[in-house]
C-alpha cells in the first residue's frame, strides 16, 4: 500500500509503520483492496480491467507461482510479501483473511452484476468484452432464478433487453415472485 516501507514506528501513522518492511500494509501487496479496485473498475464500466485485477490474485490463476507463494494453491492470501520483505513473493495469512469474501462480493455483485435489492434482484453486469455469454443460478427470497446474460456485441457493460419467464421486462430489476418456483431471465448486453 506504500513504498518505500517504514523502517521504524511513527506514532502519527500508527499500525502501518509497526509491520516489518515489505509485509502487510508496509510495502507488501495487501490483497483485501484488490476487490475494492475491481468494484471501482466496474462502476466506471471497465470490465476488462476488473477481470485483470481478479486474475492477479485469484489462486487458480497463480499456479505457476505457487512455489514462490508457499501457500495452499486454492485459497486467497491476506497479503503477499513485497520486494523489501525477508521472503519476497511469499503469501501470508491464507486462512485468516476477508479477501475471499470480498472477492466473492466483487465478482457476484459487480462483475456478474447480480445484486440483491429490497425490491428484487438487479442485473447489471460489467464483464470482459470477450465473454459472449454466462449463466447464473441464484436463489433469492424463496425464488430460484436461472439468469442468462448474452453479449453479442462484445461490450463490457450496458443492458439493452431483459425478458422474465419469456416475456419482455422493461427493467434490470427482476421482480420478487415469492412463489418458490423457478424463474428465468434473459439479459442482453449491447
N, C-alpha and C. Protein backbone atom coordinates (compact mmCIF):
# COMPACT_ATOMS: atom_id res chain seq x y z
N UNK A 1 0.82 -1.19 0.00
CA UNK A 1 0.00 0.00 0.00
C UNK A 1 0.87 1.25 0.00
N UNK A 2 2.12 1.09 0.35
CA UNK A 2 3.04 2.21 0.27
C UNK A 2 4.43 1.68 -0.07
N UNK A 3 5.26 2.54 -0.60
CA UNK A 3 6.66 2.21 -0.85
C UNK A 3 7.41 3.51 -0.94
N UNK A 4 8.56 3.68 -0.36
CA UNK A 4 9.32 2.67 0.38
C UNK A 4 8.67 2.36 1.73
N UNK A 5 9.07 1.24 2.33
CA UNK A 5 8.46 0.86 3.61
C UNK A 5 8.95 1.74 4.75
N UNK A 6 8.13 1.79 5.78
CA UNK A 6 8.56 2.44 7.02
C UNK A 6 9.64 1.57 7.65
N UNK A 7 10.64 2.20 8.21
CA UNK A 7 11.74 1.46 8.84
C UNK A 7 11.70 1.56 10.36
N UNK A 8 10.78 2.36 10.86
CA UNK A 8 10.60 2.48 12.30
C UNK A 8 9.16 2.86 12.57
N UNK A 9 8.77 2.81 13.82
CA UNK A 9 7.40 3.14 14.22
C UNK A 9 7.22 4.66 14.26
N UNK A 10 6.11 5.12 13.68
CA UNK A 10 5.71 6.53 13.73
C UNK A 10 4.36 6.59 14.41
N UNK A 11 4.28 7.28 15.52
CA UNK A 11 3.02 7.35 16.25
C UNK A 11 1.91 7.98 15.41
N UNK A 12 2.28 8.95 14.55
CA UNK A 12 1.26 9.62 13.74
C UNK A 12 0.70 8.73 12.62
N UNK A 13 1.42 7.69 12.23
CA UNK A 13 0.93 6.74 11.21
C UNK A 13 0.36 5.48 11.83
N UNK A 14 0.78 5.19 13.03
CA UNK A 14 0.22 4.06 13.76
C UNK A 14 0.65 2.70 13.26
N UNK A 15 -0.32 1.78 13.23
CA UNK A 15 -0.05 0.37 12.99
C UNK A 15 0.71 0.08 11.70
N UNK A 16 0.42 0.81 10.63
CA UNK A 16 1.08 0.53 9.35
C UNK A 16 2.60 0.59 9.47
N UNK A 17 3.11 1.46 10.34
CA UNK A 17 4.56 1.58 10.49
C UNK A 17 5.13 0.57 11.47
N UNK A 18 4.28 -0.24 12.09
CA UNK A 18 4.77 -1.24 13.05
C UNK A 18 5.08 -2.58 12.39
N UNK A 19 4.61 -2.80 11.16
CA UNK A 19 4.85 -4.08 10.49
C UNK A 19 6.27 -4.13 9.95
N UNK A 20 6.83 -5.33 9.83
CA UNK A 20 8.16 -5.45 9.22
C UNK A 20 8.14 -4.93 7.78
N UNK A 21 9.28 -4.49 7.31
CA UNK A 21 9.38 -3.94 5.95
C UNK A 21 8.97 -4.99 4.92
N UNK A 22 8.06 -4.60 4.02
CA UNK A 22 7.62 -5.48 2.95
C UNK A 22 6.46 -6.37 3.31
N UNK A 23 5.91 -6.22 4.53
CA UNK A 23 4.80 -7.07 4.94
C UNK A 23 3.54 -6.23 5.19
N UNK A 24 2.42 -6.84 4.86
CA UNK A 24 1.10 -6.24 5.04
C UNK A 24 1.05 -4.85 4.39
N UNK A 25 0.52 -3.86 5.11
CA UNK A 25 0.38 -2.53 4.52
C UNK A 25 1.70 -1.79 4.41
N UNK A 26 2.76 -2.31 4.99
CA UNK A 26 4.06 -1.65 4.96
C UNK A 26 4.88 -2.16 3.77
N UNK A 27 4.44 -1.79 2.56
CA UNK A 27 5.11 -2.12 1.30
C UNK A 27 4.95 -3.57 0.88
N UNK A 28 3.93 -4.23 1.42
CA UNK A 28 3.56 -5.55 0.91
C UNK A 28 2.38 -5.39 -0.04
N UNK A 29 1.97 -6.48 -0.65
CA UNK A 29 0.78 -6.47 -1.50
C UNK A 29 -0.38 -6.93 -0.63
N UNK A 30 -1.19 -6.01 -0.18
CA UNK A 30 -2.31 -6.32 0.70
C UNK A 30 -3.50 -6.64 -0.19
N UNK A 31 -3.96 -7.88 -0.19
CA UNK A 31 -4.93 -8.38 -1.17
C UNK A 31 -6.37 -7.93 -0.93
N UNK A 32 -6.68 -7.48 0.26
CA UNK A 32 -8.05 -7.03 0.56
C UNK A 32 -8.53 -5.95 -0.40
N UNK A 33 -7.65 -5.05 -0.77
CA UNK A 33 -8.09 -3.90 -1.56
C UNK A 33 -8.27 -4.22 -3.03
N UNK A 34 -7.76 -5.35 -3.54
CA UNK A 34 -7.97 -5.68 -4.95
C UNK A 34 -9.45 -5.79 -5.30
N UNK A 35 -10.28 -6.47 -4.50
CA UNK A 35 -11.71 -6.49 -4.84
C UNK A 35 -12.34 -5.10 -4.84
N UNK A 36 -11.87 -4.22 -3.98
CA UNK A 36 -12.41 -2.86 -3.97
C UNK A 36 -12.06 -2.16 -5.29
N UNK A 37 -10.85 -2.40 -5.78
CA UNK A 37 -10.45 -1.83 -7.07
C UNK A 37 -11.29 -2.44 -8.19
N UNK A 38 -11.53 -3.76 -8.12
CA UNK A 38 -12.38 -4.41 -9.11
C UNK A 38 -13.77 -3.77 -9.14
N UNK A 39 -14.33 -3.53 -7.98
CA UNK A 39 -15.64 -2.89 -7.89
C UNK A 39 -15.59 -1.50 -8.54
N UNK A 40 -14.56 -0.74 -8.22
CA UNK A 40 -14.40 0.59 -8.82
C UNK A 40 -14.32 0.54 -10.33
N UNK A 41 -13.58 -0.42 -10.86
CA UNK A 41 -13.47 -0.55 -12.32
C UNK A 41 -14.82 -0.86 -12.95
N UNK A 42 -15.64 -1.68 -12.29
CA UNK A 42 -16.96 -1.98 -12.87
C UNK A 42 -17.88 -0.77 -12.79
N UNK A 43 -17.76 0.01 -11.74
CA UNK A 43 -18.61 1.20 -11.60
C UNK A 43 -18.39 2.17 -12.77
N UNK A 44 -17.14 2.24 -13.25
CA UNK A 44 -16.85 3.12 -14.39
C UNK A 44 -16.88 2.37 -15.72
N UNK A 45 -17.34 1.10 -15.71
CA UNK A 45 -17.58 0.37 -16.94
C UNK A 45 -16.40 -0.35 -17.56
N UNK A 46 -15.34 -0.57 -16.78
CA UNK A 46 -14.14 -1.22 -17.33
C UNK A 46 -14.07 -2.68 -16.89
N UNK A 47 -14.87 -3.52 -17.52
CA UNK A 47 -14.93 -4.94 -17.18
C UNK A 47 -13.63 -5.68 -17.43
N UNK A 48 -12.92 -5.33 -18.50
CA UNK A 48 -11.64 -5.99 -18.77
C UNK A 48 -10.64 -5.73 -17.66
N UNK A 49 -10.56 -4.50 -17.20
CA UNK A 49 -9.61 -4.18 -16.12
C UNK A 49 -10.01 -4.84 -14.81
N UNK A 50 -11.31 -4.87 -14.53
CA UNK A 50 -11.77 -5.54 -13.30
C UNK A 50 -11.37 -7.00 -13.33
N UNK A 51 -11.55 -7.66 -14.46
CA UNK A 51 -11.20 -9.07 -14.59
C UNK A 51 -9.69 -9.27 -14.49
N UNK A 52 -8.90 -8.37 -15.04
CA UNK A 52 -7.43 -8.46 -14.92
C UNK A 52 -7.00 -8.39 -13.45
N UNK A 53 -7.60 -7.48 -12.69
CA UNK A 53 -7.26 -7.39 -11.27
C UNK A 53 -7.64 -8.68 -10.54
N UNK A 54 -8.79 -9.24 -10.90
CA UNK A 54 -9.21 -10.51 -10.29
C UNK A 54 -8.18 -11.60 -10.57
N UNK A 55 -7.75 -11.73 -11.80
CA UNK A 55 -6.82 -12.80 -12.16
C UNK A 55 -5.46 -12.65 -11.48
N UNK A 56 -5.10 -11.45 -11.08
CA UNK A 56 -3.80 -11.25 -10.45
C UNK A 56 -3.72 -11.80 -9.03
N UNK A 57 -4.87 -12.02 -8.37
CA UNK A 57 -4.81 -12.59 -7.02
C UNK A 57 -5.62 -13.87 -6.86
N UNK A 58 -6.33 -14.28 -7.91
CA UNK A 58 -7.14 -15.50 -7.82
C UNK A 58 -6.24 -16.73 -7.78
N UNK A 59 -6.35 -17.55 -6.75
CA UNK A 59 -5.45 -18.70 -6.60
C UNK A 59 -5.38 -19.60 -7.83
N UNK A 60 -6.48 -19.84 -8.50
CA UNK A 60 -6.45 -20.76 -9.65
C UNK A 60 -5.70 -20.19 -10.85
N UNK A 61 -5.47 -18.89 -10.89
CA UNK A 61 -4.69 -18.28 -11.96
C UNK A 61 -3.21 -18.16 -11.58
N UNK A 62 -2.85 -18.55 -10.37
CA UNK A 62 -1.48 -18.32 -9.88
C UNK A 62 -0.69 -19.60 -9.66
N UNK A 63 -1.08 -20.68 -10.29
CA UNK A 63 -0.40 -21.95 -10.07
C UNK A 63 1.09 -21.87 -10.39
N UNK A 64 1.46 -21.11 -11.42
CA UNK A 64 2.88 -21.04 -11.81
C UNK A 64 3.75 -20.37 -10.75
N UNK A 65 3.16 -19.67 -9.80
CA UNK A 65 3.96 -19.05 -8.74
C UNK A 65 3.64 -19.65 -7.37
N UNK A 66 2.98 -20.80 -7.35
CA UNK A 66 2.60 -21.39 -6.05
C UNK A 66 3.82 -21.78 -5.22
N UNK A 67 4.92 -22.16 -5.86
CA UNK A 67 6.14 -22.46 -5.11
C UNK A 67 6.70 -21.20 -4.46
N UNK A 68 6.59 -20.08 -5.13
CA UNK A 68 7.04 -18.81 -4.57
C UNK A 68 6.11 -18.36 -3.44
N UNK A 69 4.81 -18.49 -3.65
CA UNK A 69 3.83 -18.07 -2.64
C UNK A 69 3.88 -18.95 -1.39
N UNK A 70 4.19 -20.22 -1.55
CA UNK A 70 4.32 -21.15 -0.44
C UNK A 70 3.06 -21.20 0.43
N UNK A 71 1.93 -21.15 -0.22
CA UNK A 71 0.66 -21.29 0.49
C UNK A 71 -0.24 -22.22 -0.32
N UNK A 72 -1.34 -22.61 0.24
CA UNK A 72 -2.25 -23.51 -0.45
C UNK A 72 -2.69 -22.88 -1.77
N UNK A 73 -2.67 -23.65 -2.86
CA UNK A 73 -3.00 -23.08 -4.17
C UNK A 73 -4.49 -22.88 -4.42
N UNK A 74 -5.30 -23.08 -3.41
CA UNK A 74 -6.75 -22.99 -3.58
C UNK A 74 -7.40 -21.99 -2.63
N UNK A 75 -6.60 -21.20 -1.93
CA UNK A 75 -7.16 -20.20 -1.02
C UNK A 75 -6.51 -18.84 -1.27
N UNK A 76 -7.24 -17.80 -0.93
CA UNK A 76 -6.70 -16.45 -1.02
C UNK A 76 -5.78 -16.18 0.16
N UNK A 77 -4.80 -15.35 -0.08
CA UNK A 77 -3.93 -14.88 1.00
C UNK A 77 -4.36 -13.46 1.39
N UNK A 78 -4.07 -13.11 2.63
CA UNK A 78 -4.34 -11.74 3.07
C UNK A 78 -3.36 -10.78 2.42
N UNK A 79 -2.12 -11.23 2.29
CA UNK A 79 -1.09 -10.37 1.72
C UNK A 79 -0.01 -11.21 1.07
N UNK A 80 0.75 -10.57 0.19
CA UNK A 80 1.91 -11.18 -0.46
C UNK A 80 3.08 -10.27 -0.14
N UNK A 81 4.15 -10.87 0.37
CA UNK A 81 5.31 -10.10 0.79
C UNK A 81 5.90 -9.31 -0.38
N UNK A 82 6.20 -8.03 -0.12
CA UNK A 82 6.76 -7.15 -1.14
C UNK A 82 8.26 -7.34 -1.29
N UNK A 83 8.85 -6.58 -2.19
CA UNK A 83 10.27 -6.76 -2.52
C UNK A 83 11.21 -6.43 -1.37
N UNK A 84 10.76 -5.70 -0.37
CA UNK A 84 11.61 -5.37 0.77
C UNK A 84 11.52 -6.40 1.89
N UNK A 85 10.70 -7.41 1.72
CA UNK A 85 10.50 -8.42 2.75
C UNK A 85 11.65 -9.43 2.78
N UNK A 86 11.72 -10.17 3.88
CA UNK A 86 12.73 -11.22 4.02
C UNK A 86 12.55 -12.28 2.94
N UNK A 87 11.30 -12.63 2.61
CA UNK A 87 11.00 -13.60 1.56
C UNK A 87 9.99 -12.99 0.59
N UNK A 88 10.45 -12.16 -0.36
CA UNK A 88 9.53 -11.52 -1.30
C UNK A 88 8.69 -12.55 -2.06
N UNK A 89 7.43 -12.22 -2.27
CA UNK A 89 6.53 -13.09 -3.03
C UNK A 89 5.82 -14.14 -2.21
N UNK A 90 6.22 -14.31 -0.96
CA UNK A 90 5.58 -15.32 -0.12
C UNK A 90 4.22 -14.80 0.37
N UNK A 91 3.21 -15.63 0.24
CA UNK A 91 1.86 -15.26 0.67
C UNK A 91 1.69 -15.55 2.16
N UNK A 92 0.87 -14.78 2.81
CA UNK A 92 0.67 -14.93 4.26
C UNK A 92 -0.81 -14.90 4.61
N UNK A 93 -1.13 -15.50 5.76
CA UNK A 93 -2.47 -15.47 6.35
C UNK A 93 -3.55 -15.98 5.40
N UNK A 94 -3.32 -17.17 4.86
CA UNK A 94 -4.25 -17.69 3.86
C UNK A 94 -5.61 -18.07 4.43
N UNK A 95 -5.68 -18.42 5.67
CA UNK A 95 -6.98 -18.80 6.25
C UNK A 95 -7.49 -17.73 7.22
N UNK A 96 -6.79 -16.62 7.29
CA UNK A 96 -7.15 -15.56 8.22
C UNK A 96 -7.31 -14.26 7.42
N UNK A 97 -8.31 -14.25 6.55
CA UNK A 97 -8.46 -13.08 5.68
C UNK A 97 -9.90 -12.94 5.22
N UNK A 98 -10.28 -11.71 4.97
CA UNK A 98 -11.57 -11.45 4.36
C UNK A 98 -11.48 -11.31 2.85
N UNK A 99 -10.28 -11.54 2.30
CA UNK A 99 -10.07 -11.38 0.87
C UNK A 99 -11.00 -12.26 0.05
N UNK A 100 -11.20 -13.50 0.48
CA UNK A 100 -12.09 -14.41 -0.26
C UNK A 100 -13.51 -13.87 -0.29
N UNK A 101 -14.00 -13.41 0.85
CA UNK A 101 -15.37 -12.88 0.91
C UNK A 101 -15.50 -11.63 0.05
N UNK A 102 -14.51 -10.76 0.11
CA UNK A 102 -14.57 -9.54 -0.71
C UNK A 102 -14.53 -9.88 -2.20
N UNK A 103 -13.74 -10.89 -2.59
CA UNK A 103 -13.71 -11.31 -3.99
C UNK A 103 -15.06 -11.87 -4.42
N UNK A 104 -15.66 -12.70 -3.58
CA UNK A 104 -16.98 -13.24 -3.92
C UNK A 104 -17.98 -12.10 -4.14
N UNK A 105 -17.96 -11.13 -3.25
CA UNK A 105 -18.85 -9.97 -3.35
C UNK A 105 -18.59 -9.21 -4.66
N UNK A 106 -17.33 -8.92 -4.95
CA UNK A 106 -16.99 -8.16 -6.16
C UNK A 106 -17.37 -8.91 -7.42
N UNK A 107 -17.11 -10.20 -7.45
CA UNK A 107 -17.40 -10.99 -8.65
C UNK A 107 -18.90 -11.17 -8.84
N UNK A 108 -19.59 -11.60 -7.79
CA UNK A 108 -21.02 -11.92 -7.95
C UNK A 108 -21.87 -10.67 -8.15
N UNK A 109 -21.58 -9.60 -7.43
CA UNK A 109 -22.45 -8.43 -7.47
C UNK A 109 -22.01 -7.34 -8.44
N UNK A 110 -20.74 -7.34 -8.83
CA UNK A 110 -20.28 -6.26 -9.71
C UNK A 110 -19.82 -6.75 -11.07
N UNK A 111 -19.02 -7.80 -11.15
CA UNK A 111 -18.64 -8.32 -12.47
C UNK A 111 -19.82 -9.06 -13.08
N UNK A 112 -20.34 -10.07 -12.40
CA UNK A 112 -21.54 -10.76 -12.90
C UNK A 112 -22.77 -9.88 -12.77
N UNK A 113 -22.75 -8.95 -11.83
CA UNK A 113 -23.78 -7.93 -11.71
C UNK A 113 -25.11 -8.39 -11.14
N UNK A 114 -25.12 -9.45 -10.35
CA UNK A 114 -26.36 -9.94 -9.74
C UNK A 114 -26.43 -9.36 -8.33
N UNK A 115 -27.19 -8.27 -8.17
CA UNK A 115 -27.20 -7.52 -6.91
C UNK A 115 -28.56 -7.62 -6.21
N UNK A 116 -28.56 -8.13 -4.97
CA UNK A 116 -29.82 -8.16 -4.23
C UNK A 116 -30.27 -6.73 -3.90
N UNK A 117 -31.56 -6.51 -4.02
CA UNK A 117 -32.15 -5.21 -3.76
C UNK A 117 -33.41 -5.45 -2.93
N UNK A 118 -33.87 -4.46 -2.25
CA UNK A 118 -35.08 -4.61 -1.45
C UNK A 118 -36.25 -5.09 -2.29
N UNK A 119 -36.34 -4.60 -3.52
CA UNK A 119 -37.48 -4.90 -4.38
C UNK A 119 -37.25 -6.05 -5.36
N UNK A 120 -36.08 -6.70 -5.33
CA UNK A 120 -35.81 -7.80 -6.26
C UNK A 120 -34.33 -7.97 -6.50
N UNK A 121 -33.99 -8.62 -7.59
CA UNK A 121 -32.59 -8.79 -7.99
C UNK A 121 -32.29 -7.85 -9.15
N UNK A 122 -31.27 -7.04 -8.97
CA UNK A 122 -30.85 -6.16 -10.06
C UNK A 122 -29.77 -6.88 -10.85
N UNK A 123 -29.86 -6.82 -12.18
CA UNK A 123 -28.87 -7.46 -13.05
C UNK A 123 -28.21 -6.37 -13.89
N UNK A 124 -26.94 -6.09 -13.59
CA UNK A 124 -26.20 -5.04 -14.29
C UNK A 124 -24.73 -5.47 -14.39
N UNK A 125 -24.43 -6.44 -15.26
CA UNK A 125 -23.06 -6.95 -15.33
C UNK A 125 -22.08 -5.95 -15.93
N UNK A 126 -20.82 -6.14 -15.57
CA UNK A 126 -19.71 -5.42 -16.20
C UNK A 126 -18.61 -6.46 -16.39
N UNK A 127 -18.53 -7.01 -17.58
CA UNK A 127 -17.72 -8.19 -17.85
C UNK A 127 -16.63 -7.89 -18.88
N UNK A 128 -15.67 -8.80 -19.03
CA UNK A 128 -14.70 -8.64 -20.12
C UNK A 128 -15.40 -8.72 -21.48
N UNK A 129 -14.92 -7.94 -22.42
CA UNK A 129 -15.54 -7.88 -23.76
C UNK A 129 -15.63 -9.24 -24.44
N UNK A 130 -14.66 -10.11 -24.19
CA UNK A 130 -14.62 -11.39 -24.90
C UNK A 130 -15.64 -12.40 -24.38
N UNK A 131 -16.26 -12.13 -23.24
CA UNK A 131 -17.30 -13.04 -22.74
C UNK A 131 -18.54 -12.88 -23.61
N UNK A 132 -18.95 -13.94 -24.25
CA UNK A 132 -20.13 -13.89 -25.11
C UNK A 132 -21.41 -14.27 -24.36
N UNK A 133 -21.28 -15.05 -23.29
CA UNK A 133 -22.46 -15.48 -22.55
C UNK A 133 -22.03 -16.07 -21.22
N UNK A 134 -22.86 -15.92 -20.22
CA UNK A 134 -22.68 -16.65 -18.97
C UNK A 134 -24.05 -16.89 -18.34
N UNK A 135 -24.07 -17.84 -17.43
CA UNK A 135 -25.33 -18.22 -16.78
C UNK A 135 -25.10 -18.30 -15.28
N UNK A 136 -26.07 -17.82 -14.53
CA UNK A 136 -26.02 -17.83 -13.07
C UNK A 136 -27.32 -18.42 -12.55
N UNK A 137 -27.21 -19.30 -11.58
CA UNK A 137 -28.38 -19.77 -10.84
C UNK A 137 -28.33 -19.10 -9.48
N UNK A 138 -29.40 -18.44 -9.11
CA UNK A 138 -29.41 -17.66 -7.86
C UNK A 138 -30.72 -17.88 -7.14
N UNK A 139 -30.63 -18.30 -5.89
CA UNK A 139 -31.82 -18.38 -5.05
C UNK A 139 -31.95 -17.05 -4.31
N UNK A 140 -33.16 -16.52 -4.30
CA UNK A 140 -33.37 -15.23 -3.67
C UNK A 140 -34.79 -15.16 -3.13
N UNK A 141 -34.90 -15.03 -1.83
CA UNK A 141 -36.18 -14.89 -1.14
C UNK A 141 -37.20 -15.94 -1.58
N UNK A 142 -36.75 -17.17 -1.63
CA UNK A 142 -37.63 -18.28 -1.94
C UNK A 142 -37.77 -18.61 -3.42
N UNK A 143 -37.36 -17.70 -4.29
CA UNK A 143 -37.42 -17.96 -5.72
C UNK A 143 -36.07 -18.49 -6.20
N UNK A 144 -36.11 -19.29 -7.24
CA UNK A 144 -34.89 -19.81 -7.86
C UNK A 144 -34.80 -19.23 -9.27
N UNK A 145 -33.74 -18.47 -9.51
CA UNK A 145 -33.56 -17.79 -10.79
C UNK A 145 -32.48 -18.48 -11.62
N UNK A 146 -32.76 -18.67 -12.89
CA UNK A 146 -31.74 -19.05 -13.87
C UNK A 146 -31.58 -17.81 -14.75
N UNK A 147 -30.45 -17.14 -14.60
CA UNK A 147 -30.20 -15.88 -15.30
C UNK A 147 -29.15 -16.13 -16.38
N UNK A 148 -29.50 -15.86 -17.62
CA UNK A 148 -28.57 -15.99 -18.74
C UNK A 148 -28.28 -14.59 -19.27
N UNK A 149 -26.99 -14.27 -19.37
CA UNK A 149 -26.57 -12.98 -19.90
C UNK A 149 -25.85 -13.24 -21.23
N UNK A 150 -26.32 -12.59 -22.29
CA UNK A 150 -25.66 -12.70 -23.59
C UNK A 150 -25.01 -11.37 -23.94
N UNK A 151 -23.90 -11.47 -24.66
CA UNK A 151 -23.11 -10.30 -25.01
C UNK A 151 -22.75 -10.37 -26.50
N UNK A 152 -23.74 -10.24 -27.39
CA UNK A 152 -23.49 -10.45 -28.82
C UNK A 152 -22.56 -9.43 -29.47
N UNK A 153 -22.44 -8.25 -28.87
CA UNK A 153 -21.63 -7.19 -29.48
C UNK A 153 -20.29 -6.98 -28.76
N UNK A 154 -19.98 -7.82 -27.80
CA UNK A 154 -18.68 -7.74 -27.13
C UNK A 154 -18.44 -6.45 -26.37
N UNK A 155 -19.41 -6.05 -25.56
CA UNK A 155 -19.26 -4.84 -24.74
C UNK A 155 -18.94 -5.24 -23.30
N UNK A 156 -18.48 -4.30 -22.53
CA UNK A 156 -18.25 -4.55 -21.10
C UNK A 156 -19.53 -4.36 -20.30
N UNK A 157 -20.31 -3.38 -20.69
CA UNK A 157 -21.48 -3.03 -19.89
C UNK A 157 -22.58 -2.42 -20.77
N UNK A 158 -23.80 -2.53 -20.28
CA UNK A 158 -24.92 -1.88 -20.95
C UNK A 158 -26.02 -2.86 -21.30
N UNK A 159 -27.00 -2.98 -20.42
CA UNK A 159 -28.14 -3.86 -20.65
C UNK A 159 -29.07 -3.21 -21.67
N UNK A 160 -29.39 -3.95 -22.74
CA UNK A 160 -30.29 -3.42 -23.77
C UNK A 160 -31.66 -4.10 -23.76
N UNK A 161 -31.75 -5.30 -23.19
CA UNK A 161 -33.03 -6.00 -23.16
C UNK A 161 -33.05 -7.01 -22.02
N UNK A 162 -34.23 -7.19 -21.43
CA UNK A 162 -34.43 -8.17 -20.37
C UNK A 162 -35.76 -8.87 -20.63
N UNK A 163 -35.76 -10.19 -20.54
CA UNK A 163 -37.01 -10.94 -20.54
C UNK A 163 -37.08 -11.74 -19.25
N UNK A 164 -38.27 -11.84 -18.69
CA UNK A 164 -38.51 -12.62 -17.48
C UNK A 164 -39.56 -13.67 -17.81
N UNK A 165 -39.19 -14.91 -17.60
CA UNK A 165 -40.08 -16.03 -17.93
C UNK A 165 -40.62 -15.92 -19.35
N UNK A 166 -39.73 -15.50 -20.27
CA UNK A 166 -40.08 -15.43 -21.69
C UNK A 166 -40.82 -14.19 -22.13
N UNK A 167 -41.10 -13.27 -21.22
CA UNK A 167 -41.85 -12.05 -21.56
C UNK A 167 -40.95 -10.83 -21.41
N UNK A 168 -41.06 -9.84 -22.31
CA UNK A 168 -40.25 -8.63 -22.18
C UNK A 168 -40.46 -7.97 -20.82
N UNK A 169 -39.36 -7.50 -20.26
CA UNK A 169 -39.39 -6.86 -18.94
C UNK A 169 -38.62 -5.55 -19.07
N UNK A 170 -39.21 -4.45 -18.78
CA UNK A 170 -38.63 -3.13 -19.03
C UNK A 170 -37.67 -2.62 -17.98
N UNK A 171 -37.03 -3.51 -17.23
CA UNK A 171 -36.17 -3.06 -16.14
C UNK A 171 -35.06 -4.08 -15.90
N UNK A 172 -33.96 -3.60 -15.33
CA UNK A 172 -32.89 -4.51 -14.91
C UNK A 172 -33.18 -5.10 -13.53
N UNK A 173 -34.27 -4.67 -12.92
CA UNK A 173 -34.67 -5.19 -11.61
C UNK A 173 -35.63 -6.36 -11.80
N UNK A 174 -35.17 -7.56 -11.50
CA UNK A 174 -36.02 -8.74 -11.61
C UNK A 174 -36.99 -8.74 -10.43
N UNK A 175 -38.25 -9.03 -10.68
CA UNK A 175 -39.26 -8.89 -9.63
C UNK A 175 -39.19 -9.99 -8.58
N UNK A 176 -39.80 -9.71 -7.46
CA UNK A 176 -39.99 -10.72 -6.42
C UNK A 176 -41.30 -11.43 -6.72
N UNK A 177 -41.23 -12.74 -6.87
CA UNK A 177 -42.46 -13.51 -7.06
C UNK A 177 -42.91 -14.12 -5.74
N UNK A 178 -41.96 -14.64 -4.97
CA UNK A 178 -42.29 -15.23 -3.69
C UNK A 178 -43.12 -16.50 -3.79
N UNK A 179 -43.12 -17.13 -4.97
CA UNK A 179 -43.92 -18.33 -5.15
C UNK A 179 -43.10 -19.61 -5.03
N UNK A 180 -41.79 -19.47 -4.82
CA UNK A 180 -40.94 -20.64 -4.64
C UNK A 180 -40.70 -21.43 -5.91
N UNK A 181 -41.16 -20.94 -7.03
CA UNK A 181 -41.00 -21.66 -8.29
C UNK A 181 -39.77 -21.15 -9.05
N UNK A 182 -39.26 -21.94 -9.98
CA UNK A 182 -38.12 -21.47 -10.78
C UNK A 182 -38.56 -20.41 -11.80
N UNK A 183 -37.69 -19.44 -12.00
CA UNK A 183 -37.94 -18.37 -12.96
C UNK A 183 -36.70 -18.18 -13.81
N UNK A 184 -36.89 -17.65 -15.02
CA UNK A 184 -35.77 -17.41 -15.92
C UNK A 184 -35.71 -15.94 -16.30
N UNK A 185 -34.48 -15.49 -16.52
CA UNK A 185 -34.26 -14.15 -17.04
C UNK A 185 -33.21 -14.24 -18.13
N UNK A 186 -33.47 -13.58 -19.23
CA UNK A 186 -32.50 -13.45 -20.31
C UNK A 186 -32.15 -11.97 -20.40
N UNK A 187 -30.87 -11.68 -20.18
CA UNK A 187 -30.39 -10.31 -20.17
C UNK A 187 -29.42 -10.16 -21.34
N UNK A 188 -29.66 -9.15 -22.17
CA UNK A 188 -28.80 -8.92 -23.34
C UNK A 188 -28.03 -7.63 -23.15
N UNK A 189 -26.72 -7.71 -23.38
CA UNK A 189 -25.87 -6.52 -23.36
C UNK A 189 -25.68 -6.05 -24.80
N UNK A 190 -25.43 -4.77 -24.96
CA UNK A 190 -25.21 -4.29 -26.33
C UNK A 190 -24.90 -2.84 -26.43
